Amino acid sequence: MKICPYCATELTEEIYRDTVCPNCKKPLHTCICCLFYDVNAHWHCREDVDELVKYVDEENFCEQFKLTNKSLTQDKNKKDIKAFESLFG
């Protein structure tokens, strides 16, 4: 099952370069929505890519793209909570 990484809406269609989530309207064929996106990897990608993608939240033509199966908002919330707890915990 495919879900939108931003709002967790279930997706039934194929993901193409210009596909947007039917619910939140955010582009889905982006680095940040990709399974291989990793800020700790070379050029933020665990795949072998030829160049850095400057805008990771904008649609792109990457042929290695594979939609992630995790929610981006949950990860961000966890990081925010950890940062808060480290300040006041």
PDB file of N, CA and C in Angstrom:
ATOM      1  N   MET A   1       0.839  -1.183   0.000  1.00  0.00           N
ATOM      2  CA  MET A   1       0.000   0.000   0.000  1.00  0.00           C
ATOM      3  C   MET A   1       0.883   1.244   0.000  1.00  0.00           C
ATOM      4  N   LYS A   2       0.561   2.183  -0.853  1.00  0.00           N
ATOM      5  CA  LYS A   2       1.289   3.441  -0.925  1.00  0.00           C
ATOM      6  C   LYS A   2       0.509   4.511  -0.161  1.00  0.00           C
ATOM      7  N   ILE A   3       1.256   5.334   0.594  1.00  0.00           N
ATOM      8  CA  ILE A   3       0.631   6.443   1.308  1.00  0.00           C
ATOM      9  C   ILE A   3       1.411   7.716   1.042  1.00  0.00           C
ATOM     10  N   CYS A   4       0.735   8.835   1.158  1.00  0.00           N
ATOM     11  CA  CYS A   4       1.397  10.126   1.037  1.00  0.00           C
ATOM     12  C   CYS A   4       2.265  10.328   2.275  1.00  0.00           C
ATOM     13  N   PRO A   5       3.558  10.625   2.111  1.00  0.00           N
ATOM     14  CA  PRO A   5       4.428  10.844   3.266  1.00  0.00           C
ATOM     15  C   PRO A   5       4.054  12.075   4.092  1.00  0.00           C
ATOM     16  N   TYR A   6       3.306  12.989   3.513  1.00  0.00           N
ATOM     17  CA  TYR A   6       2.935  14.206   4.224  1.00  0.00           C
ATOM     18  C   TYR A   6       1.668  14.051   5.061  1.00  0.00           C
ATOM     19  N   CYS A   7       0.627  13.437   4.480  1.00  0.00           N
ATOM     20  CA  CYS A   7      -0.662  13.399   5.174  1.00  0.00           C
ATOM     21  C   CYS A   7      -1.206  11.986   5.386  1.00  0.00           C
ATOM     22  N   ALA A   8      -0.482  10.981   4.939  1.00  0.00           N
ATOM     23  CA  ALA A   8      -0.836   9.564   5.108  1.00  0.00           C
ATOM     24  C   ALA A   8      -2.090   9.140   4.340  1.00  0.00           C
ATOM     25  N   THR A   9      -2.473   9.900   3.328  1.00  0.00           N
ATOM     26  CA  THR A   9      -3.587   9.510   2.474  1.00  0.00           C
ATOM     27  C   THR A   9      -3.170   8.308   1.640  1.00  0.00           C
ATOM     28  N   GLU A  10      -4.049   7.316   1.547  1.00  0.00           N
ATOM     29  CA  GLU A  10      -3.755   6.141   0.733  1.00  0.00           C
ATOM     30  C   GLU A  10      -3.763   6.533  -0.739  1.00  0.00           C
ATOM     31  N   LEU A  11      -2.740   6.090  -1.459  1.00  0.00           N
ATOM     32  CA  LEU A  11      -2.598   6.420  -2.879  1.00  0.00           C
ATOM     33  C   LEU A  11      -2.859   5.176  -3.715  1.00  0.00           C
ATOM     34  N   THR A  12      -3.656   5.323  -4.747  1.00  0.00           N
ATOM     35  CA  THR A  12      -3.987   4.182  -5.581  1.00  0.00           C
ATOM     36  C   THR A  12      -3.364   4.258  -6.970  1.00  0.00           C
ATOM     37  N   GLU A  13      -2.916   5.428  -7.373  1.00  0.00           N
ATOM     38  CA  GLU A  13      -2.369   5.588  -8.715  1.00  0.00           C
ATOM     39  C   GLU A  13      -0.838   5.483  -8.713  1.00  0.00           C
ATOM     40  N   GLU A  14      -0.267   5.299  -9.905  1.00  0.00           N
ATOM     41  CA  GLU A  14       1.182   5.298 -10.058  1.00  0.00           C
ATOM     42  C   GLU A  14       1.722   6.696  -9.758  1.00  0.00           C
ATOM     43  N   ILE A  15       2.969   6.747  -9.310  1.00  0.00           N
ATOM     44  CA  ILE A  15       3.596   8.035  -9.016  1.00  0.00           C
ATOM     45  C   ILE A  15       4.463   8.428 -10.207  1.00  0.00           C
ATOM     46  N   TYR A  16       4.103   9.521 -10.856  1.00  0.00           N
ATOM     47  CA  TYR A  16       4.865  10.070 -11.971  1.00  0.00           C
ATOM     48  C   TYR A  16       5.487  11.388 -11.532  1.00  0.00           C
ATOM     49  N   ARG A  17       6.298  11.988 -12.389  1.00  0.00           N
ATOM     50  CA  ARG A  17       7.010  13.210 -12.046  1.00  0.00           C
ATOM     51  C   ARG A  17       6.067  14.311 -11.557  1.00  0.00           C
ATOM     52  N   ASP A  18       4.909  14.426 -12.150  1.00  0.00           N
ATOM     53  CA  ASP A  18       3.996  15.524 -11.804  1.00  0.00           C
ATOM     54  C   ASP A  18       2.849  15.102 -10.878  1.00  0.00           C
ATOM     55  N   THR A  19       2.938  13.919 -10.278  1.00  0.00           N
ATOM     56  CA  THR A  19       1.874  13.450  -9.390  1.00  0.00           C
ATOM     57  C   THR A  19       1.868  14.233  -8.083  1.00  0.00           C
ATOM     58  N   VAL A  20       0.683  14.659  -7.687  1.00  0.00           N
ATOM     59  CA  VAL A  20       0.510  15.332  -6.401  1.00  0.00           C
ATOM     60  C   VAL A  20      -0.486  14.525  -5.580  1.00  0.00           C
ATOM     61  N   CYS A  21      -0.407  14.665  -4.287  1.00  0.00           N
ATOM     62  CA  CYS A  21      -1.339  13.977  -3.390  1.00  0.00           C
ATOM     63  C   CYS A  21      -2.741  14.537  -3.617  1.00  0.00           C
ATOM     64  N   PRO A  22      -3.729  13.676  -3.768  1.00  0.00           N
ATOM     65  CA  PRO A  22      -5.090  14.175  -3.979  1.00  0.00           C
ATOM     66  C   PRO A  22      -5.659  14.902  -2.756  1.00  0.00           C
ATOM     67  N   ASN A  23      -5.074  14.676  -1.588  1.00  0.00           N
ATOM     68  CA  ASN A  23      -5.574  15.303  -0.369  1.00  0.00           C
ATOM     69  C   ASN A  23      -4.829  16.605  -0.056  1.00  0.00           C
ATOM     70  N   CYS A  24      -3.521  16.530   0.142  1.00  0.00           N
ATOM     71  CA  CYS A  24      -2.767  17.719   0.571  1.00  0.00           C
ATOM     72  C   CYS A  24      -2.155  18.511  -0.587  1.00  0.00           C
ATOM     73  N   LYS A  25      -2.215  17.946  -1.799  1.00  0.00           N
ATOM     74  CA  LYS A  25      -1.750  18.614  -3.029  1.00  0.00           C
ATOM     75  C   LYS A  25      -0.237  18.831  -3.089  1.00  0.00           C
ATOM     76  N   LYS A  26       0.542  18.125  -2.272  1.00  0.00           N
ATOM     77  CA  LYS A  26       1.996  18.264  -2.315  1.00  0.00           C
ATOM     78  C   LYS A  26       2.563  17.311  -3.364  1.00  0.00           C
ATOM     79  N   PRO A  27       3.654  17.717  -4.028  1.00  0.00           N
ATOM     80  CA  PRO A  27       4.264  16.842  -5.035  1.00  0.00           C
ATOM     81  C   PRO A  27       4.853  15.595  -4.377  1.00  0.00           C
ATOM     82  N   LEU A  28       4.726  14.462  -5.062  1.00  0.00           N
ATOM     83  CA  LEU A  28       5.167  13.201  -4.479  1.00  0.00           C
ATOM     84  C   LEU A  28       6.482  12.677  -5.067  1.00  0.00           C
ATOM     85  N   HIS A  29       6.789  13.026  -6.314  1.00  0.00           N
ATOM     86  CA  HIS A  29       8.030  12.547  -6.941  1.00  0.00           C
ATOM     87  C   HIS A  29       9.164  13.513  -6.593  1.00  0.00           C
ATOM     88  N   THR A  30       9.527  13.509  -5.320  1.00  0.00           N
ATOM     89  CA  THR A  30      10.569  14.403  -4.805  1.00  0.00           C
ATOM     90  C   THR A  30      11.581  13.587  -4.004  1.00  0.00           C
ATOM     91  N   CYS A  31      12.754  14.139  -3.805  1.00  0.00           N
ATOM     92  CA  CYS A  31      13.780  13.442  -3.016  1.00  0.00           C
ATOM     93  C   CYS A  31      13.277  13.139  -1.602  1.00  0.00           C
ATOM     94  N   ILE A  32      12.664  14.114  -0.995  1.00  0.00           N
ATOM     95  CA  ILE A  32      12.253  13.960   0.402  1.00  0.00           C
ATOM     96  C   ILE A  32      11.187  12.870   0.576  1.00  0.00           C
ATOM     97  N   CYS A  33      10.456  12.548  -0.492  1.00  0.00           N
ATOM     98  CA  CYS A  33       9.443  11.485  -0.439  1.00  0.00           C
ATOM     99  C   CYS A  33       9.995  10.138  -0.904  1.00  0.00           C
ATOM    100  N   CYS A  34      11.276  10.088  -1.195  1.00  0.00           N
ATOM    101  CA  CYS A  34      11.882   8.880  -1.749  1.00  0.00           C
ATOM    102  C   CYS A  34      12.439   7.972  -0.655  1.00  0.00           C
ATOM    103  N   LEU A  35      12.321   6.684  -0.886  1.00  0.00           N
ATOM    104  CA  LEU A  35      12.842   5.674   0.023  1.00  0.00           C
ATOM    105  C   LEU A  35      14.351   5.815   0.219  1.00  0.00           C
ATOM    106  N   PHE A  36      15.063   6.295  -0.784  1.00  0.00           N
ATOM    107  CA  PHE A  36      16.523   6.378  -0.746  1.00  0.00           C
ATOM    108  C   PHE A  36      17.055   7.699  -0.182  1.00  0.00           C
ATOM    109  N   TYR A  37      16.177   8.632   0.139  1.00  0.00           N
ATOM    110  CA  TYR A  37      16.612   9.927   0.675  1.00  0.00           C
ATOM    111  C   TYR A  37      17.204   9.727   2.065  1.00  0.00           C
ATOM    112  N   ASP A  38      18.411  10.263   2.257  1.00  0.00           N
ATOM    113  CA  ASP A  38      19.109  10.128   3.538  1.00  0.00           C
ATOM    114  C   ASP A  38      20.059  11.312   3.684  1.00  0.00           C
ATOM    115  N   VAL A  39      19.810  12.182   4.636  1.00  0.00           N
ATOM    116  CA  VAL A  39      20.644  13.374   4.806  1.00  0.00           C
ATOM    117  C   VAL A  39      22.086  13.026   5.162  1.00  0.00           C
ATOM    118  N   ASN A  40      22.332  11.819   5.622  1.00  0.00           N
ATOM    119  CA  ASN A  40      23.695  11.412   5.972  1.00  0.00           C
ATOM    120  C   ASN A  40      24.446  10.764   4.817  1.00  0.00           C
ATOM    121  N   ALA A  41      23.779  10.514   3.704  1.00  0.00           N
ATOM    122  CA  ALA A  41      24.408   9.887   2.538  1.00  0.00           C
ATOM    123  C   ALA A  41      24.995  10.953   1.620  1.00  0.00           C
ATOM    124  N   HIS A  42      25.889  10.504   0.735  1.00  0.00           N
ATOM    125  CA  HIS A  42      26.483  11.405  -0.256  1.00  0.00           C
ATOM    126  C   HIS A  42      25.373  11.983  -1.125  1.00  0.00           C
ATOM    127  N   TRP A  43      25.328  13.283  -1.234  1.00  0.00           N
ATOM    128  CA  TRP A  43      24.290  14.024  -1.960  1.00  0.00           C
ATOM    129  C   TRP A  43      22.893  13.637  -1.483  1.00  0.00           C
ATOM    130  N   HIS A  44      22.788  13.231  -0.236  1.00  0.00           N
ATOM    131  CA  HIS A  44      21.521  12.919   0.442  1.00  0.00           C
ATOM    132  C   HIS A  44      20.757  11.766  -0.203  1.00  0.00           C
ATOM    133  N   CYS A  45      21.482  10.857  -0.864  1.00  0.00           N
ATOM    134  CA  CYS A  45      20.824   9.742  -1.526  1.00  0.00           C
ATOM    135  C   CYS A  45      21.638   8.469  -1.329  1.00  0.00           C
ATOM    136  N   ARG A  46      20.953   7.377  -0.961  1.00  0.00           N
ATOM    137  CA  ARG A  46      21.636   6.094  -0.790  1.00  0.00           C
ATOM    138  C   ARG A  46      21.857   5.381  -2.117  1.00  0.00           C
ATOM    139  N   GLU A  47      21.329   5.922  -3.203  1.00  0.00           N
ATOM    140  CA  GLU A  47      21.563   5.385  -4.536  1.00  0.00           C
ATOM    141  C   GLU A  47      22.726   6.147  -5.176  1.00  0.00           C
ATOM    142  N   ASP A  48      23.257   5.619  -6.248  1.00  0.00           N
ATOM    143  CA  ASP A  48      24.364   6.259  -6.952  1.00  0.00           C
ATOM    144  C   ASP A  48      23.789   7.316  -7.901  1.00  0.00           C
ATOM    145  N   VAL A  49      23.856   8.578  -7.492  1.00  0.00           N
ATOM    146  CA  VAL A  49      23.344   9.675  -8.318  1.00  0.00           C
ATOM    147  C   VAL A  49      24.504  10.531  -8.803  1.00  0.00           C
ATOM    148  N   ASP A  50      24.304  11.183  -9.949  1.00  0.00           N
ATOM    149  CA  ASP A  50      25.375  11.943 -10.588  1.00  0.00           C
ATOM    150  C   ASP A  50      25.555  13.356 -10.060  1.00  0.00           C
ATOM    151  N   GLU A  51      24.526  13.899  -9.441  1.00  0.00           N
ATOM    152  CA  GLU A  51      24.638  15.270  -8.965  1.00  0.00           C
ATOM    153  C   GLU A  51      23.693  15.538  -7.799  1.00  0.00           C
ATOM    154  N   LEU A  52      23.996  16.569  -7.064  1.00  0.00           N
ATOM    155  CA  LEU A  52      23.175  16.990  -5.932  1.00  0.00           C
ATOM    156  C   LEU A  52      21.871  17.604  -6.442  1.00  0.00           C
ATOM    157  N   VAL A  53      20.774  17.240  -5.821  1.00  0.00           N
ATOM    158  CA  VAL A  53      19.487  17.876  -6.106  1.00  0.00           C
ATOM    159  C   VAL A  53      19.326  18.968  -5.063  1.00  0.00           C
ATOM    160  N   LYS A  54      19.287  20.203  -5.533  1.00  0.00           N
ATOM    161  CA  LYS A  54      19.277  21.346  -4.630  1.00  0.00           C
ATOM    162  C   LYS A  54      17.962  21.482  -3.866  1.00  0.00           C
ATOM    163  N   TYR A  55      16.847  21.256  -4.531  1.00  0.00           N
ATOM    164  CA  TYR A  55      15.534  21.437  -3.906  1.00  0.00           C
ATOM    165  C   TYR A  55      14.878  20.068  -3.717  1.00  0.00           C
ATOM    166  N   VAL A  56      15.099  19.461  -2.568  1.00  0.00           N
ATOM    167  CA  VAL A  56      14.650  18.096  -2.313  1.00  0.00           C
ATOM    168  C   VAL A  56      13.145  17.965  -2.141  1.00  0.00           C
ATOM    169  N   ASP A  57      12.447  19.079  -2.011  1.00  0.00           N
ATOM    170  CA  ASP A  57      10.990  19.023  -1.848  1.00  0.00           C
ATOM    171  C   ASP A  57      10.242  19.392  -3.124  1.00  0.00           C
ATOM    172  N   GLU A  58      10.969  19.501  -4.251  1.00  0.00           N
ATOM    173  CA  GLU A  58      10.342  19.797  -5.539  1.00  0.00           C
ATOM    174  C   GLU A  58      10.432  18.581  -6.444  1.00  0.00           C
ATOM    175  N   GLU A  59       9.452  18.457  -7.343  1.00  0.00           N
ATOM    176  CA  GLU A  59       9.430  17.296  -8.236  1.00  0.00           C
ATOM    177  C   GLU A  59      10.691  17.246  -9.090  1.00  0.00           C
ATOM    178  N   ASN A  60      11.116  16.011  -9.420  1.00  0.00           N
ATOM    179  CA  ASN A  60      12.327  15.844 -10.199  1.00  0.00           C
ATOM    180  C   ASN A  60      12.193  14.661 -11.159  1.00  0.00           C
ATOM    181  N   PHE A  61      13.238  14.416 -11.922  1.00  0.00           N
ATOM    182  CA  PHE A  61      13.227  13.375 -12.946  1.00  0.00           C
ATOM    183  C   PHE A  61      14.021  12.135 -12.536  1.00  0.00           C
ATOM    184  N   CYS A  62      14.333  11.965 -11.294  1.00  0.00           N
ATOM    185  CA  CYS A  62      15.173  10.867 -10.845  1.00  0.00           C
ATOM    186  C   CYS A  62      14.582   9.509 -11.244  1.00  0.00           C
ATOM    187  N   GLU A  63      15.398   8.685 -11.877  1.00  0.00           N
ATOM    188  CA  GLU A  63      14.940   7.365 -12.316  1.00  0.00           C
ATOM    189  C   GLU A  63      14.976   6.338 -11.186  1.00  0.00           C
ATOM    190  N   GLN A  64      15.717   6.608 -10.121  1.00  0.00           N
ATOM    191  CA  GLN A  64      15.794   5.681  -8.992  1.00  0.00           C
ATOM    192  C   GLN A  64      14.664   5.886  -7.984  1.00  0.00           C
ATOM    193  N   PHE A  65      13.827   6.874  -8.190  1.00  0.00           N
ATOM    194  CA  PHE A  65      12.785   7.223  -7.224  1.00  0.00           C
ATOM    195  C   PHE A  65      11.916   6.027  -6.863  1.00  0.00           C
ATOM    196  N   LYS A  66      11.702   5.871  -5.576  1.00  0.00           N
ATOM    197  CA  LYS A  66      10.764   4.880  -5.049  1.00  0.00           C
ATOM    198  C   LYS A  66      10.100   5.524  -3.839  1.00  0.00           C
ATOM    199  N   LEU A  67       8.789   5.592  -3.840  1.00  0.00           N
ATOM    200  CA  LEU A  67       8.055   6.269  -2.776  1.00  0.00           C
ATOM    201  C   LEU A  67       8.325   5.615  -1.427  1.00  0.00           C
ATOM    202  N   THR A  68       8.650   6.429  -0.448  1.00  0.00           N
ATOM    203  CA  THR A  68       8.880   5.926   0.905  1.00  0.00           C
ATOM    204  C   THR A  68       7.572   5.411   1.494  1.00  0.00           C
ATOM    205  N   ASN A  69       7.674   4.575   2.501  1.00  0.00           N
ATOM    206  CA  ASN A  69       6.472   4.054   3.150  1.00  0.00           C
ATOM    207  C   ASN A  69       6.324   4.581   4.564  1.00  0.00           C
ATOM    208  N   LYS A  70       7.006   5.697   4.855  1.00  0.00           N
ATOM    209  CA  LYS A  70       6.890   6.274   6.194  1.00  0.00           C
ATOM    210  C   LYS A  70       6.369   7.703   6.120  1.00  0.00           C
ATOM    211  N   SER A  71       5.823   8.141   7.208  1.00  0.00           N
ATOM    212  CA  SER A  71       5.260   9.482   7.296  1.00  0.00           C
ATOM    213  C   SER A  71       6.356  10.486   7.650  1.00  0.00           C
ATOM    214  N   LEU A  72       6.469  11.539   6.879  1.00  0.00           N
ATOM    215  CA  LEU A  72       7.463  12.580   7.158  1.00  0.00           C
ATOM    216  C   LEU A  72       7.081  13.398   8.371  1.00  0.00           C
ATOM    217  N   THR A  73       5.817  13.579   8.610  1.00  0.00           N
ATOM    218  CA  THR A  73       5.381  14.397   9.746  1.00  0.00           C
ATOM    219  C   THR A  73       5.649  13.689  11.062  1.00  0.00           C
ATOM    220  N   GLN A  74       5.515  12.378  11.107  1.00  0.00           N
ATOM    221  CA  GLN A  74       5.817  11.640  12.335  1.00  0.00           C
ATOM    222  C   GLN A  74       7.292  11.754  12.678  1.00  0.00           C
ATOM    223  N   ASP A  75       8.175  11.622  11.680  1.00  0.00           N
ATOM    224  CA  ASP A  75       9.613  11.744  11.926  1.00  0.00           C
ATOM    225  C   ASP A  75       9.968  13.130  12.433  1.00  0.00           C
ATOM    226  N   LYS A  76       9.379  14.160  11.817  1.00  0.00           N
ATOM    227  CA  LYS A  76       9.665  15.526  12.245  1.00  0.00           C
ATOM    228  C   LYS A  76       9.174  15.745  13.664  1.00  0.00           C
ATOM    229  N   ASN A  77       7.988  15.246  13.983  1.00  0.00           N
ATOM    230  CA  ASN A  77       7.462  15.399  15.335  1.00  0.00           C
ATOM    231  C   ASN A  77       8.352  14.713  16.358  1.00  0.00           C
ATOM    232  N   LYS A  78       8.862  13.542  16.038  1.00  0.00           N
ATOM    233  CA  LYS A  78       9.749  12.832  16.952  1.00  0.00           C
ATOM    234  C   LYS A  78      11.034  13.629  17.197  1.00  0.00           C
ATOM    235  N   LYS A  79      11.580  14.214  16.145  1.00  0.00           N
ATOM    236  CA  LYS A  79      12.794  15.021  16.280  1.00  0.00           C
ATOM    237  C   LYS A  79      12.525  16.261  17.132  1.00  0.00           C
ATOM    238  N   ASP A  80      11.376  16.896  16.902  1.00  0.00           N
ATOM    239  CA  ASP A  80      11.013  18.083  17.680  1.00  0.00           C
ATOM    240  C   ASP A  80      10.845  17.738  19.159  1.00  0.00           C
ATOM    241  N   ILE A  81      10.214  16.609  19.436  1.00  0.00           N
ATOM    242  CA  ILE A  81      10.013  16.177  20.823  1.00  0.00           C
ATOM    243  C   ILE A  81      11.349  15.877  21.489  1.00  0.00           C
ATOM    244  N   LYS A  82      12.250  15.208  20.765  1.00  0.00           N
ATOM    245  CA  LYS A  82      13.573  14.912  21.323  1.00  0.00           C
ATOM    246  C   LYS A  82      14.333  16.196  21.638  1.00  0.00           C
ATOM    247  N   ALA A  83      14.271  17.159  20.720  1.00  0.00           N
ATOM    248  CA  ALA A  83      14.965  18.433  20.938  1.00  0.00           C
ATOM    249  C   ALA A  83      14.385  19.148  22.156  1.00  0.00           C
ATOM    250  N   PHE A  84      13.073  19.147  22.283  1.00  0.00           N
ATOM    251  CA  PHE A  84      12.408  19.776  23.419  1.00  0.00           C
ATOM    252  C   PHE A  84      12.825  19.102  24.725  1.00  0.00           C
ATOM    253  N   GLU A  85      12.798  17.775  24.732  1.00  0.00           N
ATOM    254  CA  GLU A  85      13.157  17.043  25.939  1.00  0.00           C
ATOM    255  C   GLU A  85      14.622  17.235  26.334  1.00  0.00           C
ATOM    256  N   SER A  86      15.494  17.381  25.330  1.00  0.00           N
ATOM    257  CA  SER A  86      16.904  17.607  25.654  1.00  0.00           C
ATOM    258  C   SER A  86      17.113  18.976  26.301  1.00  0.00           C
ATOM    259  N   LEU A  87      16.244  19.931  25.964  1.00  0.00           N
ATOM    260  CA  LEU A  87      16.348  21.265  26.585  1.00  0.00           C
ATOM    261  C   LEU A  87      15.780  21.281  28.004  1.00  0.00           C
ATOM    262  N   PHE A  88      14.641  20.602  28.181  1.00  0.00           N
ATOM    263  CA  PHE A  88      13.932  20.695  29.444  1.00  0.00           C
ATOM    264  C   PHE A  88      13.838  19.387  30.217  1.00  0.00           C
ATOM    265  N   GLY A  89      14.416  18.322  29.682  1.00  0.00           N
ATOM    266  CA  GLY A  89      14.284  17.016  30.317  1.00  0.00           C
ATOM    267  C   GLY A  89      15.256  16.823  31.387  1.00  0.00           C
TER     268      GLY A  89
END
